[in-house]
């Protein structure tokens, strides 16, 4: 649903990077380069941002 605040594996904060990550990827930048620039270096944390699907807009009408 919403982007997790912390990485499930290591516990680092990843939620603070979500807005910048999505904005820059939507502009056409390479996701790997964006994550490098944001300082997200661990594979587990990168997975949290790259694999997340934002479903809030899909589920919200059913509440």
PDB file of N, CA and C in Angstrom:
ATOM      1  N   UNK A   1       0.828  -1.177   0.000  1.00  0.00           N
ATOM      2  CA  UNK A   1       0.000   0.000   0.000  1.00  0.00           C
ATOM      3  C   UNK A   1       0.878   1.248   0.000  1.00  0.00           C
ATOM      4  N   UNK A   2       1.307   1.666   1.171  1.00  0.00           N
ATOM      5  CA  UNK A   2       2.197   2.812   1.263  1.00  0.00           C
ATOM      6  C   UNK A   2       3.628   2.301   1.329  1.00  0.00           C
ATOM      7  N   UNK A   3       4.563   3.128   0.934  1.00  0.00           N
ATOM      8  CA  UNK A   3       5.962   2.726   0.957  1.00  0.00           C
ATOM      9  C   UNK A   3       6.369   2.484   2.409  1.00  0.00           C
ATOM     10  N   UNK A   4       7.074   1.392   2.675  1.00  0.00           N
ATOM     11  CA  UNK A   4       7.520   1.118   4.043  1.00  0.00           C
ATOM     12  C   UNK A   4       8.492   2.189   4.531  1.00  0.00           C
ATOM     13  N   UNK A   5       8.408   2.504   5.806  1.00  0.00           N
ATOM     14  CA  UNK A   5       9.286   3.513   6.387  1.00  0.00           C
ATOM     15  C   UNK A   5      10.697   2.966   6.527  1.00  0.00           C
ATOM     16  N   UNK A   6      10.811   1.699   6.923  1.00  0.00           N
ATOM     17  CA  UNK A   6      12.113   1.078   7.135  1.00  0.00           C
ATOM     18  C   UNK A   6      12.255  -0.166   6.264  1.00  0.00           C
ATOM     19  N   UNK A   7      13.485  -0.505   5.962  1.00  0.00           N
ATOM     20  CA  UNK A   7      13.785  -1.713   5.207  1.00  0.00           C
ATOM     21  C   UNK A   7      13.423  -2.926   6.056  1.00  0.00           C
ATOM     22  N   UNK A   8      12.776  -3.904   5.459  1.00  0.00           N
ATOM     23  CA  UNK A   8      12.373  -5.102   6.192  1.00  0.00           C
ATOM     24  C   UNK A   8      13.573  -5.923   6.649  1.00  0.00           C
ATOM     25  N   UNK A   9      14.671  -5.861   5.932  1.00  0.00           N
ATOM     26  CA  UNK A   9      15.824  -6.693   6.225  1.00  0.00           C
ATOM     27  C   UNK A   9      16.775  -6.060   7.226  1.00  0.00           C
ATOM     28  N   UNK A  10      17.226  -4.837   6.949  1.00  0.00           N
ATOM     29  CA  UNK A  10      18.269  -4.231   7.788  1.00  0.00           C
ATOM     30  C   UNK A  10      17.753  -3.150   8.724  1.00  0.00           C
ATOM     31  N   UNK A  11      16.570  -2.616   8.492  1.00  0.00           N
ATOM     32  CA  UNK A  11      16.005  -1.612   9.383  1.00  0.00           C
ATOM     33  C   UNK A  11      16.382  -0.175   9.063  1.00  0.00           C
ATOM     34  N   UNK A  12      17.134   0.058   8.004  1.00  0.00           N
ATOM     35  CA  UNK A  12      17.463   1.428   7.619  1.00  0.00           C
ATOM     36  C   UNK A  12      16.215   2.152   7.132  1.00  0.00           C
ATOM     37  N   UNK A  13      16.194   3.465   7.318  1.00  0.00           N
ATOM     38  CA  UNK A  13      15.063   4.276   6.877  1.00  0.00           C
ATOM     39  C   UNK A  13      15.132   4.439   5.362  1.00  0.00           C
ATOM     40  N   UNK A  14      14.088   4.003   4.658  1.00  0.00           N
ATOM     41  CA  UNK A  14      14.024   4.139   3.205  1.00  0.00           C
ATOM     42  C   UNK A  14      12.847   5.004   2.774  1.00  0.00           C
ATOM     43  N   UNK A  15      11.883   5.221   3.640  1.00  0.00           N
ATOM     44  CA  UNK A  15      10.687   5.981   3.292  1.00  0.00           C
ATOM     45  C   UNK A  15      10.968   7.429   2.948  1.00  0.00           C
ATOM     46  N   UNK A  16      12.043   7.983   3.499  1.00  0.00           N
ATOM     47  CA  UNK A  16      12.358   9.385   3.238  1.00  0.00           C
ATOM     48  C   UNK A  16      12.832   9.622   1.809  1.00  0.00           C
ATOM     49  N   UNK A  17      13.224   8.574   1.116  1.00  0.00           N
ATOM     50  CA  UNK A  17      13.726   8.702  -0.248  1.00  0.00           C
ATOM     51  C   UNK A  17      12.638   8.489  -1.308  1.00  0.00           C
ATOM     52  N   UNK A  18      11.451   8.077  -0.912  1.00  0.00           N
ATOM     53  CA  UNK A  18      10.420   7.675  -1.862  1.00  0.00           C
ATOM     54  C   UNK A  18       9.996   8.813  -2.791  1.00  0.00           C
ATOM     55  N   UNK A  19       9.710   9.985  -2.254  1.00  0.00           N
ATOM     56  CA  UNK A  19       9.238  11.111  -3.080  1.00  0.00           C
ATOM     57  C   UNK A  19      10.276  11.502  -4.123  1.00  0.00           C
ATOM     58  N   UNK A  20      11.513  11.649  -3.692  1.00  0.00           N
ATOM     59  CA  UNK A  20      12.577  12.047  -4.626  1.00  0.00           C
ATOM     60  C   UNK A  20      12.815  10.953  -5.662  1.00  0.00           C
ATOM     61  N   UNK A  21      12.781   9.697  -5.222  1.00  0.00           N
ATOM     62  CA  UNK A  21      13.016   8.579  -6.129  1.00  0.00           C
ATOM     63  C   UNK A  21      11.955   8.529  -7.221  1.00  0.00           C
ATOM     64  N   UNK A  22      10.689   8.577  -6.848  1.00  0.00           N
ATOM     65  CA  UNK A  22       9.619   8.478  -7.845  1.00  0.00           C
ATOM     66  C   UNK A  22       9.606   9.679  -8.780  1.00  0.00           C
ATOM     67  N   UNK A  23       9.861  10.873  -8.234  1.00  0.00           N
ATOM     68  CA  UNK A  23       9.852  12.071  -9.073  1.00  0.00           C
ATOM     69  C   UNK A  23      10.956  12.000 -10.131  1.00  0.00           C
ATOM     70  N   UNK A  24      12.136  11.590  -9.731  1.00  0.00           N
ATOM     71  CA  UNK A  24      13.252  11.552 -10.672  1.00  0.00           C
ATOM     72  C   UNK A  24      13.121  10.416 -11.684  1.00  0.00           C
ATOM     73  N   UNK A  25      12.575   9.277 -11.256  1.00  0.00           N
ATOM     74  CA  UNK A  25      12.380   8.166 -12.187  1.00  0.00           C
ATOM     75  C   UNK A  25      11.274   8.504 -13.182  1.00  0.00           C
ATOM     76  N   UNK A  26      10.238   9.189 -12.731  1.00  0.00           N
ATOM     77  CA  UNK A  26       9.164   9.608 -13.638  1.00  0.00           C
ATOM     78  C   UNK A  26       9.654  10.605 -14.678  1.00  0.00           C
ATOM     79  N   UNK A  27      10.702  11.358 -14.349  1.00  0.00           N
ATOM     80  CA  UNK A  27      11.290  12.295 -15.305  1.00  0.00           C
ATOM     81  C   UNK A  27      12.170  11.598 -16.324  1.00  0.00           C
ATOM     82  N   UNK A  28      12.459  10.312 -16.103  1.00  0.00           N
ATOM     83  CA  UNK A  28      13.215   9.551 -17.083  1.00  0.00           C
ATOM     84  C   UNK A  28      14.614   9.152 -16.668  1.00  0.00           C
ATOM     85  N   UNK A  29      14.997   9.439 -15.432  1.00  0.00           N
ATOM     86  CA  UNK A  29      16.333   9.049 -14.983  1.00  0.00           C
ATOM     87  C   UNK A  29      16.392   7.550 -14.706  1.00  0.00           C
ATOM     88  N   UNK A  30      17.591   7.004 -14.758  1.00  0.00           N
ATOM     89  CA  UNK A  30      17.817   5.592 -14.471  1.00  0.00           C
ATOM     90  C   UNK A  30      17.644   5.340 -12.975  1.00  0.00           C
ATOM     91  N   UNK A  31      16.803   4.371 -12.574  1.00  0.00           N
ATOM     92  CA  UNK A  31      16.589   4.115 -11.148  1.00  0.00           C
ATOM     93  C   UNK A  31      17.870   3.795 -10.381  1.00  0.00           C
ATOM     94  N   UNK A  32      18.794   3.088 -10.983  1.00  0.00           N
ATOM     95  CA  UNK A  32      20.049   2.763 -10.297  1.00  0.00           C
ATOM     96  C   UNK A  32      20.864   4.018 -10.023  1.00  0.00           C
ATOM     97  N   UNK A  33      20.895   4.935 -10.973  1.00  0.00           N
ATOM     98  CA  UNK A  33      21.640   6.181 -10.783  1.00  0.00           C
ATOM     99  C   UNK A  33      20.979   7.056  -9.722  1.00  0.00           C
ATOM    100  N   UNK A  34      19.660   7.062  -9.689  1.00  0.00           N
ATOM    101  CA  UNK A  34      18.944   7.845  -8.683  1.00  0.00           C
ATOM    102  C   UNK A  34      19.230   7.303  -7.292  1.00  0.00           C
ATOM    103  N   UNK A  35      19.191   5.984  -7.127  1.00  0.00           N
ATOM    104  CA  UNK A  35      19.467   5.387  -5.827  1.00  0.00           C
ATOM    105  C   UNK A  35      20.899   5.638  -5.386  1.00  0.00           C
ATOM    106  N   UNK A  36      21.840   5.588  -6.325  1.00  0.00           N
ATOM    107  CA  UNK A  36      23.227   5.908  -6.003  1.00  0.00           C
ATOM    108  C   UNK A  36      23.343   7.347  -5.519  1.00  0.00           C
ATOM    109  N   UNK A  37      22.663   8.258  -6.201  1.00  0.00           N
ATOM    110  CA  UNK A  37      22.722   9.666  -5.846  1.00  0.00           C
ATOM    111  C   UNK A  37      22.068   9.941  -4.489  1.00  0.00           C
ATOM    112  N   UNK A  38      21.005   9.206  -4.170  1.00  0.00           N
ATOM    113  CA  UNK A  38      20.324   9.380  -2.886  1.00  0.00           C
ATOM    114  C   UNK A  38      21.075   8.720  -1.736  1.00  0.00           C
ATOM    115  N   UNK A  39      22.065   7.906  -2.039  1.00  0.00           N
ATOM    116  CA  UNK A  39      22.857   7.260  -1.002  1.00  0.00           C
ATOM    117  C   UNK A  39      22.299   5.937  -0.518  1.00  0.00           C
ATOM    118  N   UNK A  40      21.400   5.339  -1.297  1.00  0.00           N
ATOM    119  CA  UNK A  40      20.844   4.029  -0.940  1.00  0.00           C
ATOM    120  C   UNK A  40      21.755   2.980  -1.565  1.00  0.00           C
ATOM    121  N   UNK A  41      22.606   2.366  -0.743  1.00  0.00           N
ATOM    122  CA  UNK A  41      23.638   1.491  -1.299  1.00  0.00           C
ATOM    123  C   UNK A  41      23.389   0.004  -1.039  1.00  0.00           C
ATOM    124  N   UNK A  42      22.667  -0.326   0.001  1.00  0.00           N
ATOM    125  CA  UNK A  42      22.432  -1.747   0.294  1.00  0.00           C
ATOM    126  C   UNK A  42      21.391  -2.328  -0.657  1.00  0.00           C
ATOM    127  N   UNK A  43      21.621  -3.558  -1.046  1.00  0.00           N
ATOM    128  CA  UNK A  43      20.713  -4.213  -1.994  1.00  0.00           C
ATOM    129  C   UNK A  43      19.318  -4.377  -1.420  1.00  0.00           C
ATOM    130  N   UNK A  44      19.228  -4.657  -0.131  1.00  0.00           N
ATOM    131  CA  UNK A  44      17.912  -4.853   0.478  1.00  0.00           C
ATOM    132  C   UNK A  44      17.109  -3.553   0.477  1.00  0.00           C
ATOM    133  N   UNK A  45      17.770  -2.435   0.733  1.00  0.00           N
ATOM    134  CA  UNK A  45      17.090  -1.137   0.740  1.00  0.00           C
ATOM    135  C   UNK A  45      16.697  -0.722  -0.673  1.00  0.00           C
ATOM    136  N   UNK A  46      17.556  -0.997  -1.639  1.00  0.00           N
ATOM    137  CA  UNK A  46      17.249  -0.680  -3.029  1.00  0.00           C
ATOM    138  C   UNK A  46      16.032  -1.475  -3.490  1.00  0.00           C
ATOM    139  N   UNK A  47      15.953  -2.724  -3.054  1.00  0.00           N
ATOM    140  CA  UNK A  47      14.813  -3.571  -3.397  1.00  0.00           C
ATOM    141  C   UNK A  47      13.514  -2.980  -2.878  1.00  0.00           C
ATOM    142  N   UNK A  48      13.554  -2.396  -1.680  1.00  0.00           N
ATOM    143  CA  UNK A  48      12.342  -1.833  -1.092  1.00  0.00           C
ATOM    144  C   UNK A  48      11.776  -0.707  -1.952  1.00  0.00           C
ATOM    145  N   UNK A  49      12.635   0.101  -2.533  1.00  0.00           N
ATOM    146  CA  UNK A  49      12.168   1.224  -3.340  1.00  0.00           C
ATOM    147  C   UNK A  49      11.837   0.821  -4.770  1.00  0.00           C
ATOM    148  N   UNK A  50      12.654  -0.026  -5.358  1.00  0.00           N
ATOM    149  CA  UNK A  50      12.450  -0.398  -6.768  1.00  0.00           C
ATOM    150  C   UNK A  50      11.218  -1.283  -6.936  1.00  0.00           C
ATOM    151  N   UNK A  51      10.977  -2.181  -6.003  1.00  0.00           N
ATOM    152  CA  UNK A  51       9.901  -3.150  -6.174  1.00  0.00           C
ATOM    153  C   UNK A  51       8.565  -2.696  -5.599  1.00  0.00           C
ATOM    154  N   UNK A  52       8.497  -1.534  -4.963  1.00  0.00           N
ATOM    155  CA  UNK A  52       7.251  -1.078  -4.354  1.00  0.00           C
ATOM    156  C   UNK A  52       6.254  -0.632  -5.417  1.00  0.00           C
ATOM    157  N   UNK A  53       4.994  -1.029  -5.241  1.00  0.00           N
ATOM    158  CA  UNK A  53       3.901  -0.604  -6.104  1.00  0.00           C
ATOM    159  C   UNK A  53       2.904   0.165  -5.246  1.00  0.00           C
ATOM    160  N   UNK A  54       2.657   1.400  -5.583  1.00  0.00           N
ATOM    161  CA  UNK A  54       1.780   2.250  -4.788  1.00  0.00           C
ATOM    162  C   UNK A  54       0.330   1.966  -5.155  1.00  0.00           C
ATOM    163  N   UNK A  55      -0.407   1.325  -4.254  1.00  0.00           N
ATOM    164  CA  UNK A  55      -1.775   0.920  -4.515  1.00  0.00           C
ATOM    165  C   UNK A  55      -2.812   1.730  -3.739  1.00  0.00           C
ATOM    166  N   UNK A  56      -2.415   2.807  -3.107  1.00  0.00           N
ATOM    167  CA  UNK A  56      -3.337   3.594  -2.302  1.00  0.00           C
ATOM    168  C   UNK A  56      -4.488   4.126  -3.145  1.00  0.00           C
ATOM    169  N   UNK A  57      -4.195   4.617  -4.334  1.00  0.00           N
ATOM    170  CA  UNK A  57      -5.247   5.160  -5.199  1.00  0.00           C
ATOM    171  C   UNK A  57      -6.207   4.083  -5.696  1.00  0.00           C
ATOM    172  N   UNK A  58      -5.735   2.856  -5.778  1.00  0.00           N
ATOM    173  CA  UNK A  58      -6.570   1.748  -6.251  1.00  0.00           C
ATOM    174  C   UNK A  58      -7.519   1.272  -5.149  1.00  0.00           C
ATOM    175  N   UNK A  59      -7.027   1.232  -3.917  1.00  0.00           N
ATOM    176  CA  UNK A  59      -7.789   0.674  -2.807  1.00  0.00           C
ATOM    177  C   UNK A  59      -8.665   1.723  -2.117  1.00  0.00           C
ATOM    178  N   UNK A  60      -8.308   2.981  -2.177  1.00  0.00           N
ATOM    179  CA  UNK A  60      -9.011   4.037  -1.464  1.00  0.00           C
ATOM    180  C   UNK A  60     -10.517   4.115  -1.772  1.00  0.00           C
ATOM    181  N   UNK A  61     -10.974   3.932  -3.005  1.00  0.00           N
ATOM    182  CA  UNK A  61     -12.426   4.027  -3.253  1.00  0.00           C
ATOM    183  C   UNK A  61     -13.249   2.953  -2.544  1.00  0.00           C
ATOM    184  N   UNK A  62     -12.648   1.885  -2.085  1.00  0.00           N
ATOM    185  CA  UNK A  62     -13.392   0.793  -1.468  1.00  0.00           C
ATOM    186  C   UNK A  62     -13.564   0.948   0.032  1.00  0.00           C
ATOM    187  N   UNK A  63     -13.103   2.060   0.609  1.00  0.00           N
ATOM    188  CA  UNK A  63     -13.231   2.228   2.056  1.00  0.00           C
ATOM    189  C   UNK A  63     -14.513   2.885   2.407  1.00  0.00           C
TER     190      UNK A  63
END
